[in-house]
Amino acid sequence: MHVRRVVTGHDPEGKAVFVSDERMAPITLELLPGYEFHRIWGADEAPSFPGAGAMPPHNTYFPPVGGHRFGFFTIPPAEAASVERDMGAALSELERKLPGMAQYMEPDGSGMHTTPTVDFEVVLSGEVILELDDGIEVRLQRGDTVVQNGTRHRWRNEGATPATIAWFICGAHHTGC
């Protein structure tokens, strides 16, 4: 997916200006072939304005309480065969490119995870299945939205084409993460 990010800010007199206009390259991982992640924006605390429009500092994939993240992820159709890989190198790459994500993933490789966030998601293309505890699932198509409130879940794509989801996540208090 080609993603363009246009950012606004304020000049020294407080006038609205365009700060940047650029294409965002996807983050790809050996551990998840065919997946694409676009980290568009984020901050670890609430912003203050007027501001120059620079992205605030943030280090981890998921935000702390008071922080937020915005991006896209694309899920490829289910893989027919497993791929052999150096798991140590693949996990190291995951931590380098999407810091902190692995700590929320369940170790059984199922893709189930629980994060201390409220997630607002909209399916932009394709079709995905969102699974919760006990195998409860819902099929989502283009235009469908989800508000996840710190729930244990996983995504999968049983369709024939990639599915892309836009997300905005806010850090939240969660005693189980």
C-alpha atoms as a PDB file:
ATOM      1  CA  MET A   1       0.000   0.000   0.000  1.00  0.00           C
ATOM      2  CA  HIS A   2       1.304   3.453  -0.878  1.00  0.00           C
ATOM      3  CA  VAL A   3       0.803   5.810   2.066  1.00  0.00           C
ATOM      4  CA  ARG A   4       1.298   9.559   1.874  1.00  0.00           C
ATOM      5  CA  ARG A   5       1.653  11.573   5.106  1.00  0.00           C
ATOM      6  CA  VAL A   6       0.963  15.316   5.055  1.00  0.00           C
ATOM      7  CA  VAL A   7       1.770  17.113   8.318  1.00  0.00           C
ATOM      8  CA  THR A   8       0.721  20.592   9.387  1.00  0.00           C
ATOM      9  CA  GLY A   9       2.120  22.846  12.076  1.00  0.00           C
ATOM     10  CA  HIS A  10       2.581  26.494  12.954  1.00  0.00           C
ATOM     11  CA  ASP A  11       5.214  28.992  11.905  1.00  0.00           C
ATOM     12  CA  PRO A  12       6.852  31.251  14.542  1.00  0.00           C
ATOM     13  CA  GLU A  13       3.949  33.729  14.232  1.00  0.00           C
ATOM     14  CA  GLY A  14       1.376  30.976  14.862  1.00  0.00           C
ATOM     15  CA  LYS A  15       0.160  30.756  11.251  1.00  0.00           C
ATOM     16  CA  ALA A  16      -0.834  27.298   9.948  1.00  0.00           C
ATOM     17  CA  VAL A  17       1.724  25.822   7.543  1.00  0.00           C
ATOM     18  CA  PHE A  18       2.476  22.531   5.810  1.00  0.00           C
ATOM     19  CA  VAL A  19       5.509  21.002   7.494  1.00  0.00           C
ATOM     20  CA  SER A  20       6.015  17.895   5.376  1.00  0.00           C
ATOM     21  CA  ASP A  21       4.516  15.854   2.560  1.00  0.00           C
ATOM     22  CA  GLU A  22       6.094  12.438   2.071  1.00  0.00           C
ATOM     23  CA  ARG A  23       5.518   8.816   1.166  1.00  0.00           C
ATOM     24  CA  MET A  24       5.793   6.402   4.071  1.00  0.00           C
ATOM     25  CA  ALA A  25       7.598   3.138   3.344  1.00  0.00           C
ATOM     26  CA  PRO A  26       6.047   0.057   4.940  1.00  0.00           C
ATOM     27  CA  ILE A  27       7.801  -1.858   7.690  1.00  0.00           C
ATOM     28  CA  THR A  28       8.140  -5.507   6.704  1.00  0.00           C
ATOM     29  CA  LEU A  29       9.335  -8.397   8.842  1.00  0.00           C
ATOM     30  CA  GLU A  30      10.889 -11.786   8.173  1.00  0.00           C
ATOM     31  CA  LEU A  31       8.755 -13.183  11.010  1.00  0.00           C
ATOM     32  CA  LEU A  32       5.514 -12.093   9.296  1.00  0.00           C
ATOM     33  CA  PRO A  33       5.917 -12.479   5.520  1.00  0.00           C
ATOM     34  CA  GLY A  34       3.431 -10.433   3.524  1.00  0.00           C
ATOM     35  CA  TYR A  35       2.468  -8.199   6.456  1.00  0.00           C
ATOM     36  CA  GLU A  36       3.077  -4.472   6.170  1.00  0.00           C
ATOM     37  CA  PHE A  37       3.064  -1.938   9.002  1.00  0.00           C
ATOM     38  CA  HIS A  38       2.921   1.821   8.492  1.00  0.00           C
ATOM     39  CA  ARG A  39       3.719   3.833  11.628  1.00  0.00           C
ATOM     40  CA  ILE A  40       2.325   7.229  10.661  1.00  0.00           C
ATOM     41  CA  TRP A  41       2.362   9.240  13.878  1.00  0.00           C
ATOM     42  CA  GLY A  42       2.709   8.909  17.603  1.00  0.00           C
ATOM     43  CA  ALA A  43       3.434  10.609  20.897  1.00  0.00           C
ATOM     44  CA  ASP A  44       3.861   9.469  24.476  1.00  0.00           C
ATOM     45  CA  GLU A  45       1.863  12.382  25.902  1.00  0.00           C
ATOM     46  CA  ALA A  46      -0.843  14.815  24.847  1.00  0.00           C
ATOM     47  CA  PRO A  47       0.366  17.451  22.366  1.00  0.00           C
ATOM     48  CA  SER A  48       0.456  21.207  22.969  1.00  0.00           C
ATOM     49  CA  PHE A  49      -0.249  23.828  20.306  1.00  0.00           C
ATOM     50  CA  PRO A  50       0.854  25.963  18.584  1.00  0.00           C
ATOM     51  CA  GLY A  51       3.730  23.743  17.551  1.00  0.00           C
ATOM     52  CA  ALA A  52       6.232  23.327  14.742  1.00  0.00           C
ATOM     53  CA  GLY A  53       4.607  20.080  13.580  1.00  0.00           C
ATOM     54  CA  ALA A  54       7.516  17.764  14.334  1.00  0.00           C
ATOM     55  CA  MET A  55       6.616  14.254  15.418  1.00  0.00           C
ATOM     56  CA  PRO A  56       6.905  14.055  19.204  1.00  0.00           C
ATOM     57  CA  PRO A  57       9.319  11.531  20.671  1.00  0.00           C
ATOM     58  CA  HIS A  58       7.986   8.028  21.136  1.00  0.00           C
ATOM     59  CA  ASN A  59       9.833   4.752  21.220  1.00  0.00           C
ATOM     60  CA  THR A  60       7.488   1.799  21.553  1.00  0.00           C
ATOM     61  CA  TYR A  61       4.878   0.453  19.163  1.00  0.00           C
ATOM     62  CA  PHE A  62       2.114   0.717  21.788  1.00  0.00           C
ATOM     63  CA  PRO A  63       1.662   4.019  23.656  1.00  0.00           C
ATOM     64  CA  PRO A  64       1.736   4.601  27.412  1.00  0.00           C
ATOM     65  CA  VAL A  65      -1.233   6.119  29.233  1.00  0.00           C
ATOM     66  CA  GLY A  66      -1.761   9.578  27.733  1.00  0.00           C
ATOM     67  CA  GLY A  67       0.038   8.606  24.514  1.00  0.00           C
ATOM     68  CA  HIS A  68      -1.290   7.718  21.083  1.00  0.00           C
ATOM     69  CA  ARG A  69      -0.293   6.062  17.816  1.00  0.00           C
ATOM     70  CA  PHE A  70      -1.735   6.156  14.280  1.00  0.00           C
ATOM     71  CA  GLY A  71      -0.992   3.827  11.412  1.00  0.00           C
ATOM     72  CA  PHE A  72      -2.026   1.048   9.074  1.00  0.00           C
ATOM     73  CA  PHE A  73      -1.343  -2.654   8.922  1.00  0.00           C
ATOM     74  CA  THR A  74      -1.896  -5.066   6.069  1.00  0.00           C
ATOM     75  CA  ILE A  75      -2.579  -8.765   6.629  1.00  0.00           C
ATOM     76  CA  PRO A  76      -1.853 -11.085   3.708  1.00  0.00           C
ATOM     77  CA  PRO A  77      -4.069 -14.058   2.871  1.00  0.00           C
ATOM     78  CA  ALA A  78      -3.314 -17.088   5.067  1.00  0.00           C
ATOM     79  CA  GLU A  79      -0.027 -18.800   4.202  1.00  0.00           C
ATOM     80  CA  ALA A  80      -0.336 -22.270   2.701  1.00  0.00           C
ATOM     81  CA  ALA A  81       2.989 -23.502   4.051  1.00  0.00           C
ATOM     82  CA  SER A  82       5.203 -22.564   6.946  1.00  0.00           C
ATOM     83  CA  VAL A  83       8.512 -20.891   6.230  1.00  0.00           C
ATOM     84  CA  GLU A  84      11.734 -21.878   7.981  1.00  0.00           C
ATOM     85  CA  ARG A  85      13.584 -18.943   9.508  1.00  0.00           C
ATOM     86  CA  ASP A  86      16.194 -18.055  12.107  1.00  0.00           C
ATOM     87  CA  MET A  87      13.809 -17.229  14.979  1.00  0.00           C
ATOM     88  CA  GLY A  88      16.451 -15.372  16.989  1.00  0.00           C
ATOM     89  CA  ALA A  89      17.208 -13.053  14.085  1.00  0.00           C
ATOM     90  CA  ALA A  90      13.508 -12.667  13.233  1.00  0.00           C
ATOM     91  CA  LEU A  91      12.609 -11.720  16.823  1.00  0.00           C
ATOM     92  CA  SER A  92      15.532  -9.295  16.976  1.00  0.00           C
ATOM     93  CA  GLU A  93      14.291  -7.655  13.757  1.00  0.00           C
ATOM     94  CA  LEU A  94      10.755  -7.421  15.217  1.00  0.00           C
ATOM     95  CA  GLU A  95      12.060  -5.642  18.320  1.00  0.00           C
ATOM     96  CA  ARG A  96      14.202  -3.282  16.237  1.00  0.00           C
ATOM     97  CA  LYS A  97      11.446  -2.320  13.783  1.00  0.00           C
ATOM     98  CA  LEU A  98       8.363  -2.489  16.057  1.00  0.00           C
ATOM     99  CA  PRO A  99       9.806  -1.985  19.563  1.00  0.00           C
ATOM    100  CA  GLY A 100       7.808  -3.480  22.412  1.00  0.00           C
ATOM    101  CA  MET A 101       5.295  -5.339  20.240  1.00  0.00           C
ATOM    102  CA  ALA A 102       6.591  -8.828  21.065  1.00  0.00           C
ATOM    103  CA  GLN A 103       6.112  -8.392  24.819  1.00  0.00           C
ATOM    104  CA  TYR A 104       2.330  -8.386  24.330  1.00  0.00           C
ATOM    105  CA  MET A 105       2.197 -11.415  22.031  1.00  0.00           C
ATOM    106  CA  GLU A 106       1.340 -14.757  23.613  1.00  0.00           C
ATOM    107  CA  PRO A 107       4.343 -17.111  23.412  1.00  0.00           C
ATOM    108  CA  ASP A 108       2.451 -19.964  21.714  1.00  0.00           C
ATOM    109  CA  GLY A 109       2.683 -18.239  18.306  1.00  0.00           C
ATOM    110  CA  SER A 110      -1.095 -18.027  17.939  1.00  0.00           C
ATOM    111  CA  GLY A 111      -1.055 -14.271  17.358  1.00  0.00           C
ATOM    112  CA  MET A 112      -3.265 -13.672  20.393  1.00  0.00           C
ATOM    113  CA  HIS A 113      -2.316 -10.549  22.323  1.00  0.00           C
ATOM    114  CA  THR A 114      -3.663  -8.079  24.869  1.00  0.00           C
ATOM    115  CA  THR A 115      -2.469  -4.478  24.989  1.00  0.00           C
ATOM    116  CA  PRO A 116      -3.057  -1.662  27.484  1.00  0.00           C
ATOM    117  CA  THR A 117      -4.796   0.432  24.835  1.00  0.00           C
ATOM    118  CA  VAL A 118      -8.105   1.477  23.350  1.00  0.00           C
ATOM    119  CA  ASP A 119      -7.885   0.701  19.632  1.00  0.00           C
ATOM    120  CA  PHE A 120     -10.046   2.379  16.985  1.00  0.00           C
ATOM    121  CA  GLU A 121      -9.836   0.432  13.711  1.00  0.00           C
ATOM    122  CA  VAL A 122     -11.434   0.623  10.281  1.00  0.00           C
ATOM    123  CA  VAL A 123     -11.054  -1.924   7.495  1.00  0.00           C
ATOM    124  CA  LEU A 124      -9.925  -0.057   4.380  1.00  0.00           C
ATOM    125  CA  SER A 125      -9.745  -3.028   2.016  1.00  0.00           C
ATOM    126  CA  GLY A 126     -10.159  -6.780   2.000  1.00  0.00           C
ATOM    127  CA  GLU A 127     -11.747  -8.894   4.675  1.00  0.00           C
ATOM    128  CA  VAL A 128     -10.410 -10.006   8.072  1.00  0.00           C
ATOM    129  CA  ILE A 129     -11.517 -12.065  11.013  1.00  0.00           C
ATOM    130  CA  LEU A 130     -11.148 -10.651  14.507  1.00  0.00           C
ATOM    131  CA  GLU A 131     -11.055 -13.417  17.122  1.00  0.00           C
ATOM    132  CA  LEU A 132     -11.544 -12.906  20.865  1.00  0.00           C
ATOM    133  CA  ASP A 133     -11.448 -15.288  23.838  1.00  0.00           C
ATOM    134  CA  ASP A 134     -12.931 -18.772  23.444  1.00  0.00           C
ATOM    135  CA  GLY A 135     -12.774 -18.580  19.648  1.00  0.00           C
ATOM    136  CA  ILE A 136     -15.531 -15.976  19.368  1.00  0.00           C
ATOM    137  CA  GLU A 137     -15.054 -14.183  16.040  1.00  0.00           C
ATOM    138  CA  VAL A 138     -16.475 -11.575  13.733  1.00  0.00           C
ATOM    139  CA  ARG A 139     -15.825 -11.166  10.006  1.00  0.00           C
ATOM    140  CA  LEU A 140     -15.048  -7.569   9.026  1.00  0.00           C
ATOM    141  CA  GLN A 141     -15.172  -6.051   5.547  1.00  0.00           C
ATOM    142  CA  ARG A 142     -14.312  -2.720   3.957  1.00  0.00           C
ATOM    143  CA  GLY A 143     -15.852   0.127   5.969  1.00  0.00           C
ATOM    144  CA  ASP A 144     -16.425  -1.943   9.128  1.00  0.00           C
ATOM    145  CA  THR A 145     -15.056  -0.478  12.357  1.00  0.00           C
ATOM    146  CA  VAL A 146     -13.949  -1.862  15.708  1.00  0.00           C
ATOM    147  CA  VAL A 147     -13.409  -0.251  19.102  1.00  0.00           C
ATOM    148  CA  GLN A 148     -11.263  -2.608  21.164  1.00  0.00           C
ATOM    149  CA  ASN A 149     -11.106  -1.911  24.865  1.00  0.00           C
ATOM    150  CA  GLY A 150      -7.960  -3.724  26.024  1.00  0.00           C
ATOM    151  CA  THR A 151      -9.295  -7.124  24.925  1.00  0.00           C
ATOM    152  CA  ARG A 152      -7.367 -10.300  24.125  1.00  0.00           C
ATOM    153  CA  HIS A 153      -7.549 -10.805  20.363  1.00  0.00           C
ATOM    154  CA  ARG A 154      -5.916 -11.781  17.090  1.00  0.00           C
ATOM    155  CA  TRP A 155      -6.408 -10.984  13.420  1.00  0.00           C
ATOM    156  CA  ARG A 156      -6.412 -13.321  10.443  1.00  0.00           C
ATOM    157  CA  ASN A 157      -7.181 -13.132   6.756  1.00  0.00           C
ATOM    158  CA  GLU A 158      -8.909 -16.158   5.212  1.00  0.00           C
ATOM    159  CA  GLY A 159      -9.661 -14.281   1.988  1.00  0.00           C
ATOM    160  CA  ALA A 160      -7.799 -14.284  -1.311  1.00  0.00           C
ATOM    161  CA  THR A 161      -6.495 -10.691  -1.158  1.00  0.00           C
ATOM    162  CA  PRO A 162      -4.564  -8.639   1.418  1.00  0.00           C
ATOM    163  CA  ALA A 163      -6.620  -6.735   3.987  1.00  0.00           C
ATOM    164  CA  THR A 164      -5.594  -3.283   5.207  1.00  0.00           C
ATOM    165  CA  ILE A 165      -6.733  -1.748   8.492  1.00  0.00           C
ATOM    166  CA  ALA A 166      -6.223   1.822   9.690  1.00  0.00           C
ATOM    167  CA  TRP A 167      -5.835   2.209  13.450  1.00  0.00           C
ATOM    168  CA  PHE A 168      -5.584   4.871  16.101  1.00  0.00           C
ATOM    169  CA  ILE A 169      -4.625   3.649  19.569  1.00  0.00           C
ATOM    170  CA  CYS A 170      -4.578   5.412  22.922  1.00  0.00           C
ATOM    171  CA  GLY A 171      -2.702   4.257  25.991  1.00  0.00           C
ATOM    172  CA  ALA A 172      -4.975   3.089  28.819  1.00  0.00           C
ATOM    173  CA  HIS A 173      -4.765   1.632  32.307  1.00  0.00           C
ATOM    174  CA  HIS A 174      -5.017  -2.171  32.140  1.00  0.00           C
ATOM    175  CA  THR A 175      -4.250  -4.355  35.132  1.00  0.00           C
ATOM    176  CA  GLY A 176      -3.915  -7.562  33.063  1.00  0.00           C
ATOM    177  CA  CYS A 177      -1.109  -6.540  30.679  1.00  0.00           C
END
